[in-house]
Amino acid sequence: MAYLPGNMPVFMRQPNAGSVAVTAAETTTLQTLYTAGPNGSKIFGIWCSSIDTANKDLVINRVTVTPTTYIMWTVPIPLGSGTTDGVAMANCMSPTYAAGLPVDNDGNPFFYLAIGDTLQVNALATLTAGKSFNVTCIAADF
């Protein structure tokens, strides 16, 4: 929950999701995963699947309205995660990699995006030719 001036509570109004494919052609270029709602947003889940045949790393970034890019954390993405039998998709908000995030009443990590912020991702190094990551987040707009 967020607050307006005068301590008036603002509850999440709209559940939402964002997805982006990071391909070998645009590997290290920032790709917009989610844009904050008109009063900000709460991000409470990010996951990634991969069809790459090598282990790679995904960088989670917050870009402010100024625009300034802040690297938040990096997550290792195992080869075939979420697309190969027996290899789970990568939880990109795992406390192992996103240490220090606040947790909600259910013990789940989350973070906020301010008005005008975007959540962007990129691969740390070039993906294998013809391969990609699919990144999805779940959010709620205020």
N, C-alpha and C. Protein backbone atom coordinates (compact mmCIF):
# COMPACT_ATOMS: atom_id res chain seq x y z
N MET A 1 0.84 -1.17 0.00
CA MET A 1 0.00 0.00 0.00
C MET A 1 0.89 1.23 0.00
N ALA A 2 0.49 2.23 -0.73
CA ALA A 2 1.19 3.51 -0.78
C ALA A 2 0.29 4.56 -0.12
N TYR A 3 0.86 5.73 0.10
CA TYR A 3 0.10 6.79 0.76
C TYR A 3 0.18 8.09 -0.02
N LEU A 4 -0.92 8.81 -0.05
CA LEU A 4 -0.96 10.15 -0.62
C LEU A 4 -0.60 11.15 0.47
N PRO A 5 -0.34 12.40 0.11
CA PRO A 5 -0.13 13.41 1.15
C PRO A 5 -1.32 13.42 2.12
N GLY A 6 -1.04 13.59 3.39
CA GLY A 6 -2.09 13.54 4.40
C GLY A 6 -2.37 12.13 4.88
N ASN A 7 -1.48 11.19 4.51
CA ASN A 7 -1.58 9.79 4.94
C ASN A 7 -2.84 9.08 4.48
N MET A 8 -3.39 9.48 3.33
CA MET A 8 -4.52 8.77 2.75
C MET A 8 -3.98 7.53 2.04
N PRO A 9 -4.45 6.33 2.40
CA PRO A 9 -3.92 5.12 1.76
C PRO A 9 -4.36 5.01 0.30
N VAL A 10 -3.44 4.46 -0.50
CA VAL A 10 -3.74 4.15 -1.89
C VAL A 10 -3.50 2.66 -2.06
N PHE A 11 -4.53 1.94 -2.41
CA PHE A 11 -4.42 0.50 -2.58
C PHE A 11 -4.10 0.17 -4.03
N MET A 12 -3.49 -1.00 -4.24
CA MET A 12 -3.22 -1.44 -5.60
C MET A 12 -4.54 -1.54 -6.34
N ARG A 13 -4.57 -0.98 -7.54
CA ARG A 13 -5.82 -0.92 -8.30
C ARG A 13 -5.88 -1.91 -9.46
N GLN A 14 -4.75 -2.22 -10.03
CA GLN A 14 -4.77 -3.01 -11.25
C GLN A 14 -3.66 -4.05 -11.26
N PRO A 15 -4.02 -5.35 -11.22
CA PRO A 15 -2.98 -6.36 -11.42
C PRO A 15 -2.50 -6.29 -12.86
N ASN A 16 -1.25 -6.60 -13.06
CA ASN A 16 -0.69 -6.44 -14.39
C ASN A 16 0.47 -7.41 -14.58
N ALA A 17 0.95 -7.52 -15.80
CA ALA A 17 2.10 -8.37 -16.10
C ALA A 17 2.86 -7.73 -17.26
N GLY A 18 4.12 -8.06 -17.33
CA GLY A 18 4.95 -7.60 -18.44
C GLY A 18 5.83 -8.74 -18.90
N SER A 19 6.09 -8.81 -20.17
CA SER A 19 6.96 -9.85 -20.72
C SER A 19 7.83 -9.26 -21.81
N VAL A 20 9.00 -9.84 -21.97
CA VAL A 20 9.91 -9.41 -23.04
C VAL A 20 10.78 -10.61 -23.42
N ALA A 21 11.10 -10.68 -24.70
CA ALA A 21 12.05 -11.67 -25.19
C ALA A 21 13.39 -10.96 -25.42
N VAL A 22 14.43 -11.50 -24.85
CA VAL A 22 15.78 -10.98 -25.06
C VAL A 22 16.45 -11.95 -26.03
N THR A 23 16.73 -11.47 -27.23
CA THR A 23 17.31 -12.34 -28.26
C THR A 23 18.81 -12.08 -28.40
N ALA A 24 19.46 -12.94 -29.13
CA ALA A 24 20.90 -12.79 -29.35
C ALA A 24 21.22 -11.47 -30.04
N ALA A 25 20.33 -10.98 -30.89
CA ALA A 25 20.57 -9.75 -31.64
C ALA A 25 20.61 -8.52 -30.73
N GLU A 26 19.87 -8.55 -29.62
CA GLU A 26 19.80 -7.38 -28.74
C GLU A 26 20.27 -7.71 -27.33
N THR A 27 21.09 -8.71 -27.21
CA THR A 27 21.49 -9.28 -25.94
C THR A 27 21.79 -8.28 -24.83
N THR A 28 22.76 -7.42 -25.02
CA THR A 28 23.19 -6.55 -23.93
C THR A 28 22.46 -5.20 -23.93
N THR A 29 21.56 -5.00 -24.89
CA THR A 29 20.76 -3.78 -24.93
C THR A 29 19.62 -3.90 -23.93
N LEU A 30 19.36 -2.84 -23.16
CA LEU A 30 18.26 -2.88 -22.20
C LEU A 30 16.93 -3.06 -22.91
N GLN A 31 16.13 -3.99 -22.41
CA GLN A 31 14.80 -4.27 -22.94
C GLN A 31 13.78 -3.96 -21.84
N THR A 32 12.74 -3.21 -22.15
CA THR A 32 11.74 -2.83 -21.15
C THR A 32 10.83 -4.01 -20.83
N LEU A 33 10.85 -4.41 -19.58
CA LEU A 33 10.00 -5.48 -19.08
C LEU A 33 8.69 -4.92 -18.54
N TYR A 34 8.77 -3.77 -17.85
CA TYR A 34 7.56 -3.20 -17.25
C TYR A 34 7.73 -1.71 -17.05
N THR A 35 6.67 -0.96 -17.27
CA THR A 35 6.65 0.47 -17.03
C THR A 35 5.70 0.75 -15.88
N ALA A 36 6.15 1.53 -14.90
CA ALA A 36 5.33 1.82 -13.73
C ALA A 36 4.01 2.47 -14.12
N GLY A 37 2.98 2.18 -13.34
CA GLY A 37 1.66 2.76 -13.55
C GLY A 37 1.65 4.25 -13.21
N PRO A 38 0.51 4.91 -13.39
CA PRO A 38 0.42 6.36 -13.20
C PRO A 38 0.69 6.83 -11.77
N ASN A 39 0.59 5.93 -10.80
CA ASN A 39 0.90 6.27 -9.41
C ASN A 39 1.97 5.35 -8.82
N GLY A 40 2.74 4.70 -9.69
CA GLY A 40 3.76 3.77 -9.24
C GLY A 40 3.25 2.34 -9.30
N SER A 41 4.15 1.38 -9.07
CA SER A 41 3.80 -0.03 -9.16
C SER A 41 4.58 -0.85 -8.14
N LYS A 42 4.01 -1.99 -7.81
CA LYS A 42 4.68 -2.97 -6.95
C LYS A 42 5.00 -4.18 -7.81
N ILE A 43 6.27 -4.56 -7.84
CA ILE A 43 6.70 -5.75 -8.58
C ILE A 43 6.86 -6.87 -7.56
N PHE A 44 6.16 -7.98 -7.78
CA PHE A 44 6.26 -9.05 -6.80
C PHE A 44 6.58 -10.41 -7.41
N GLY A 45 7.05 -10.43 -8.64
CA GLY A 45 7.51 -11.67 -9.23
C GLY A 45 8.20 -11.43 -10.55
N ILE A 46 9.36 -12.04 -10.75
CA ILE A 46 10.06 -12.01 -12.05
C ILE A 46 10.63 -13.41 -12.26
N TRP A 47 10.40 -13.96 -13.44
CA TRP A 47 11.00 -15.24 -13.76
C TRP A 47 11.47 -15.24 -15.20
N CYS A 48 12.36 -16.20 -15.51
CA CYS A 48 12.98 -16.24 -16.83
C CYS A 48 13.10 -17.68 -17.29
N SER A 49 12.77 -17.90 -18.55
CA SER A 49 13.04 -19.19 -19.19
C SER A 49 14.05 -18.94 -20.31
N SER A 50 14.73 -19.99 -20.72
CA SER A 50 15.80 -19.83 -21.70
C SER A 50 15.82 -21.01 -22.67
N ILE A 51 16.05 -20.71 -23.93
CA ILE A 51 16.29 -21.78 -24.90
C ILE A 51 17.77 -21.81 -25.30
N ASP A 52 18.59 -21.04 -24.57
CA ASP A 52 20.02 -21.02 -24.86
C ASP A 52 20.63 -22.36 -24.49
N THR A 53 21.69 -22.73 -25.19
CA THR A 53 22.38 -23.99 -24.94
C THR A 53 23.61 -23.81 -24.05
N ALA A 54 23.71 -22.62 -23.44
CA ALA A 54 24.80 -22.33 -22.51
C ALA A 54 24.23 -21.54 -21.33
N ASN A 55 24.87 -21.66 -20.18
CA ASN A 55 24.47 -20.86 -19.02
C ASN A 55 24.79 -19.39 -19.30
N LYS A 56 23.88 -18.51 -18.95
CA LYS A 56 24.06 -17.07 -19.15
C LYS A 56 23.59 -16.33 -17.90
N ASP A 57 23.75 -15.03 -17.88
CA ASP A 57 23.32 -14.21 -16.75
C ASP A 57 22.35 -13.13 -17.24
N LEU A 58 21.32 -12.88 -16.44
CA LEU A 58 20.34 -11.84 -16.73
C LEU A 58 20.51 -10.71 -15.72
N VAL A 59 20.56 -9.47 -16.22
CA VAL A 59 20.71 -8.30 -15.35
C VAL A 59 19.36 -7.61 -15.21
N ILE A 60 18.96 -7.32 -13.98
CA ILE A 60 17.72 -6.62 -13.67
C ILE A 60 18.08 -5.17 -13.38
N ASN A 61 17.46 -4.23 -14.09
CA ASN A 61 17.77 -2.80 -13.98
C ASN A 61 16.52 -1.98 -13.69
N ARG A 62 16.69 -0.90 -12.96
CA ARG A 62 15.62 0.10 -12.79
C ARG A 62 16.10 1.36 -13.48
N VAL A 63 15.29 1.88 -14.38
CA VAL A 63 15.62 3.11 -15.08
C VAL A 63 14.65 4.19 -14.62
N THR A 64 15.20 5.28 -14.10
CA THR A 64 14.36 6.36 -13.58
C THR A 64 13.96 7.31 -14.70
N VAL A 65 13.09 8.23 -14.37
CA VAL A 65 12.57 9.19 -15.34
C VAL A 65 13.66 10.16 -15.81
N THR A 66 14.79 10.27 -15.10
CA THR A 66 15.80 11.28 -15.42
C THR A 66 16.52 11.15 -16.76
N PRO A 67 16.83 10.16 -17.48
CA PRO A 67 16.88 8.74 -17.15
C PRO A 67 18.25 8.34 -16.60
N THR A 68 18.23 7.63 -15.53
CA THR A 68 19.44 7.05 -14.95
C THR A 68 19.18 5.56 -14.78
N THR A 69 20.13 4.74 -15.19
CA THR A 69 19.99 3.29 -15.08
C THR A 69 20.71 2.81 -13.83
N TYR A 70 19.99 2.04 -13.01
CA TYR A 70 20.56 1.45 -11.80
C TYR A 70 20.51 -0.07 -11.94
N ILE A 71 21.67 -0.69 -11.92
CA ILE A 71 21.71 -2.15 -11.92
C ILE A 71 21.27 -2.60 -10.53
N MET A 72 20.25 -3.45 -10.48
CA MET A 72 19.74 -3.90 -9.20
C MET A 72 20.40 -5.22 -8.77
N TRP A 73 20.42 -6.21 -9.66
CA TRP A 73 21.08 -7.47 -9.37
C TRP A 73 21.21 -8.27 -10.66
N THR A 74 21.99 -9.35 -10.60
CA THR A 74 22.21 -10.24 -11.74
C THR A 74 21.83 -11.66 -11.31
N VAL A 75 21.16 -12.38 -12.20
CA VAL A 75 20.68 -13.73 -11.91
C VAL A 75 21.28 -14.70 -12.92
N PRO A 76 21.86 -15.81 -12.44
CA PRO A 76 22.33 -16.82 -13.40
C PRO A 76 21.14 -17.58 -13.98
N ILE A 77 21.14 -17.74 -15.29
CA ILE A 77 20.06 -18.45 -15.98
C ILE A 77 20.65 -19.75 -16.55
N PRO A 78 20.28 -20.89 -15.97
CA PRO A 78 20.83 -22.16 -16.46
C PRO A 78 20.35 -22.46 -17.89
N LEU A 79 21.17 -23.15 -18.64
CA LEU A 79 20.78 -23.51 -20.00
C LEU A 79 19.48 -24.31 -19.98
N GLY A 80 18.58 -23.97 -20.87
CA GLY A 80 17.30 -24.68 -20.98
C GLY A 80 16.34 -24.48 -19.83
N SER A 81 16.56 -23.48 -18.98
CA SER A 81 15.68 -23.29 -17.82
C SER A 81 14.25 -22.99 -18.27
N GLY A 82 13.33 -23.78 -17.74
CA GLY A 82 11.92 -23.62 -18.06
C GLY A 82 11.51 -24.19 -19.40
N THR A 83 12.45 -24.65 -20.19
CA THR A 83 12.12 -25.19 -21.51
C THR A 83 12.64 -26.61 -21.72
N THR A 84 13.41 -27.10 -20.77
CA THR A 84 13.96 -28.44 -20.84
C THR A 84 13.41 -29.26 -19.69
N ASP A 85 13.04 -30.49 -19.96
CA ASP A 85 12.48 -31.36 -18.93
C ASP A 85 13.43 -31.45 -17.73
N GLY A 86 12.91 -31.15 -16.56
CA GLY A 86 13.69 -31.25 -15.33
C GLY A 86 14.49 -30.01 -14.97
N VAL A 87 14.44 -28.96 -15.80
CA VAL A 87 15.16 -27.73 -15.50
C VAL A 87 14.13 -26.62 -15.27
N ALA A 88 14.01 -26.19 -14.02
CA ALA A 88 13.01 -25.18 -13.66
C ALA A 88 13.38 -23.82 -14.22
N MET A 89 12.35 -23.00 -14.47
CA MET A 89 12.63 -21.62 -14.87
C MET A 89 13.32 -20.92 -13.71
N ALA A 90 14.04 -19.85 -14.01
CA ALA A 90 14.81 -19.14 -12.99
C ALA A 90 13.92 -18.14 -12.26
N ASN A 91 13.95 -18.19 -10.92
CA ASN A 91 13.25 -17.21 -10.09
C ASN A 91 14.17 -16.01 -9.95
N CYS A 92 13.85 -14.94 -10.65
CA CYS A 92 14.73 -13.77 -10.68
C CYS A 92 14.60 -12.87 -9.46
N MET A 93 13.72 -13.23 -8.52
CA MET A 93 13.62 -12.47 -7.27
C MET A 93 13.99 -13.35 -6.08
N SER A 94 14.72 -14.40 -6.34
CA SER A 94 15.19 -15.27 -5.27
C SER A 94 16.07 -14.46 -4.31
N PRO A 95 15.86 -14.61 -3.00
CA PRO A 95 16.71 -13.89 -2.04
C PRO A 95 18.20 -14.19 -2.19
N THR A 96 18.53 -15.30 -2.83
CA THR A 96 19.94 -15.63 -3.07
C THR A 96 20.59 -14.57 -3.95
N TYR A 97 19.86 -14.05 -4.94
CA TYR A 97 20.42 -13.09 -5.88
C TYR A 97 19.92 -11.67 -5.64
N ALA A 98 18.69 -11.54 -5.18
CA ALA A 98 18.09 -10.23 -4.91
C ALA A 98 18.05 -10.02 -3.40
N ALA A 99 19.20 -10.13 -2.78
CA ALA A 99 19.29 -10.03 -1.33
C ALA A 99 18.88 -8.64 -0.85
N GLY A 100 18.16 -8.59 0.25
CA GLY A 100 17.81 -7.32 0.86
C GLY A 100 16.47 -6.75 0.44
N LEU A 101 15.76 -7.42 -0.48
CA LEU A 101 14.43 -6.92 -0.83
C LEU A 101 13.50 -7.06 0.36
N PRO A 102 12.57 -6.12 0.53
CA PRO A 102 11.58 -6.28 1.60
C PRO A 102 10.69 -7.47 1.28
N VAL A 103 10.02 -8.00 2.29
CA VAL A 103 9.07 -9.10 2.08
C VAL A 103 7.69 -8.67 2.56
N ASP A 104 6.67 -9.19 1.89
CA ASP A 104 5.30 -8.85 2.27
C ASP A 104 4.83 -9.75 3.42
N ASN A 105 3.57 -9.66 3.77
CA ASN A 105 3.02 -10.44 4.89
C ASN A 105 3.06 -11.94 4.64
N ASP A 106 3.19 -12.35 3.38
CA ASP A 106 3.28 -13.77 3.04
C ASP A 106 4.73 -14.24 2.92
N GLY A 107 5.69 -13.34 3.18
CA GLY A 107 7.10 -13.69 3.10
C GLY A 107 7.68 -13.63 1.70
N ASN A 108 6.95 -13.02 0.76
CA ASN A 108 7.42 -12.93 -0.62
C ASN A 108 8.15 -11.60 -0.85
N PRO A 109 9.29 -11.63 -1.56
CA PRO A 109 10.01 -10.39 -1.84
C PRO A 109 9.24 -9.52 -2.84
N PHE A 110 9.46 -8.21 -2.75
CA PHE A 110 8.85 -7.27 -3.67
C PHE A 110 9.68 -6.02 -3.70
N PHE A 111 9.40 -5.13 -4.67
CA PHE A 111 9.97 -3.79 -4.68
C PHE A 111 9.02 -2.89 -5.44
N TYR A 112 9.20 -1.58 -5.27
CA TYR A 112 8.34 -0.60 -5.90
C TYR A 112 9.05 0.08 -7.06
N LEU A 113 8.28 0.46 -8.06
CA LEU A 113 8.75 1.35 -9.12
C LEU A 113 8.01 2.67 -8.92
N ALA A 114 8.75 3.75 -8.95
CA ALA A 114 8.14 5.07 -8.82
C ALA A 114 7.52 5.49 -10.15
N ILE A 115 6.71 6.53 -10.12
CA ILE A 115 6.08 7.07 -11.32
C ILE A 115 7.17 7.38 -12.34
N GLY A 116 7.02 6.89 -13.55
CA GLY A 116 7.99 7.14 -14.62
C GLY A 116 9.13 6.15 -14.70
N ASP A 117 9.29 5.29 -13.70
CA ASP A 117 10.35 4.28 -13.73
C ASP A 117 10.00 3.16 -14.71
N THR A 118 11.02 2.53 -15.25
CA THR A 118 10.83 1.30 -16.01
C THR A 118 11.73 0.21 -15.44
N LEU A 119 11.25 -1.01 -15.54
CA LEU A 119 12.01 -2.18 -15.15
C LEU A 119 12.56 -2.74 -16.46
N GLN A 120 13.88 -2.82 -16.57
CA GLN A 120 14.48 -3.28 -17.81
C GLN A 120 15.45 -4.41 -17.53
N VAL A 121 15.63 -5.27 -18.52
CA VAL A 121 16.52 -6.41 -18.38
C VAL A 121 17.46 -6.48 -19.58
N ASN A 122 18.56 -7.15 -19.39
CA ASN A 122 19.49 -7.44 -20.48
C ASN A 122 20.35 -8.62 -20.08
N ALA A 123 20.89 -9.29 -21.07
CA ALA A 123 21.84 -10.37 -20.79
C ALA A 123 23.20 -9.74 -20.53
N LEU A 124 23.96 -10.36 -19.65
CA LEU A 124 25.27 -9.82 -19.30
C LEU A 124 26.26 -10.01 -20.45
N ALA A 125 26.10 -11.11 -21.18
CA ALA A 125 26.97 -11.39 -22.33
C ALA A 125 26.09 -11.88 -23.48
N THR A 126 26.64 -11.88 -24.67
CA THR A 126 25.88 -12.24 -25.85
C THR A 126 25.33 -13.67 -25.76
N LEU A 127 24.05 -13.80 -26.09
CA LEU A 127 23.43 -15.12 -26.13
C LEU A 127 23.91 -15.87 -27.37
N THR A 128 23.73 -17.17 -27.34
CA THR A 128 24.07 -18.00 -28.49
C THR A 128 23.18 -17.58 -29.66
N ALA A 129 23.74 -17.57 -30.86
CA ALA A 129 22.99 -17.16 -32.06
C ALA A 129 21.69 -17.94 -32.17
N GLY A 130 20.60 -17.22 -32.42
CA GLY A 130 19.30 -17.84 -32.60
C GLY A 130 18.60 -18.26 -31.30
N LYS A 131 19.18 -17.93 -30.16
CA LYS A 131 18.61 -18.32 -28.87
C LYS A 131 18.05 -17.09 -28.15
N SER A 132 17.27 -17.32 -27.09
CA SER A 132 16.66 -16.18 -26.38
C SER A 132 16.30 -16.53 -24.94
N PHE A 133 16.07 -15.47 -24.18
CA PHE A 133 15.47 -15.53 -22.84
C PHE A 133 14.04 -15.00 -23.00
N ASN A 134 13.11 -15.54 -22.24
CA ASN A 134 11.79 -14.95 -22.10
C ASN A 134 11.63 -14.58 -20.64
N VAL A 135 11.43 -13.30 -20.38
CA VAL A 135 11.34 -12.78 -19.01
C VAL A 135 9.93 -12.25 -18.78
N THR A 136 9.34 -12.60 -17.64
CA THR A 136 8.00 -12.16 -17.29
C THR A 136 8.01 -11.63 -15.87
N CYS A 137 7.22 -10.58 -15.63
CA CYS A 137 7.05 -10.10 -14.26
C CYS A 137 5.56 -9.95 -13.99
N ILE A 138 5.21 -10.06 -12.71
CA ILE A 138 3.85 -9.76 -12.29
C ILE A 138 3.93 -8.56 -11.37
N ALA A 139 2.95 -7.69 -11.51
CA ALA A 139 2.99 -6.40 -10.82
C ALA A 139 1.58 -5.97 -10.48
N ALA A 140 1.51 -4.90 -9.72
CA ALA A 140 0.23 -4.25 -9.44
C ALA A 140 0.47 -2.75 -9.50
N ASP A 141 -0.42 -2.05 -10.18
CA ASP A 141 -0.31 -0.60 -10.31
C ASP A 141 -1.16 0.08 -9.23
N PHE A 142 -0.66 1.21 -8.74
CA PHE A 142 -1.41 1.98 -7.75
C PHE A 142 -2.28 3.00 -8.45
